[in-house]
Amino acid sequence: MNFVTKALKILKNPVEIWNDIAGQWEDAGHVLIRFAIPWLVLATAISTALTPFVIPYETLAIMGLDHVSWADRFGMGIIGAIVAIVQLIIYIELTRFLSAQFGGSGDRGRAAQLALYSYSPTLIAQIIALFPVVGGAAALAAPLFGIFLYVQGATRLMGVPQREVAG
């Protein structure tokens, strides 16, 4: 089962999918190179490239982005993807550290799985955010759902005792 399938299943059935993910250990480098980096780059590239097509010209003019060339948009997309990758790496290390502090395993591979799959609603919301009405709701709901996924996955993937997990 690939990342997209798991990410969509986690949206439909967030509690059950963690058991499937827990049954498949993966190295942190494998999770980053095979899943995280391509999807972070894709989500950032799509949202950056399509912005002028879905946001009215007047809005872009108010934001000062009416004169931005495609090369500049491409550069902003690359910078955005790099920042997202660095954020995910920090998120993985923070997950590993906190898991060990609360009686969990501190395994980097499991931390990478937990970080990536709990971040998947945000990746999906980044693409949905291109559509103004639905995008605003998705941008508000995705981080909250990500926190719920993180709490659910902490016990199953990292072995954090239930009494130590918030929620």
Foldseek 3Di string as FASTA:
>chain_A
DDPVVLLVVCVVPVQPSLLVVQVDFDALVCCCPVPVLVLLLVLLLLLLQCLPVLDDLVVCVVVVNNPPDPVNSVVVSVVSSVVVSVVLVVQLQVLLVVLVVQPWASHSRLSSVLSVSLCSLVSVLSNVLSHPPVSVVSNVVSNVSSLVSSLSNSCSRGVRDNVSGDD
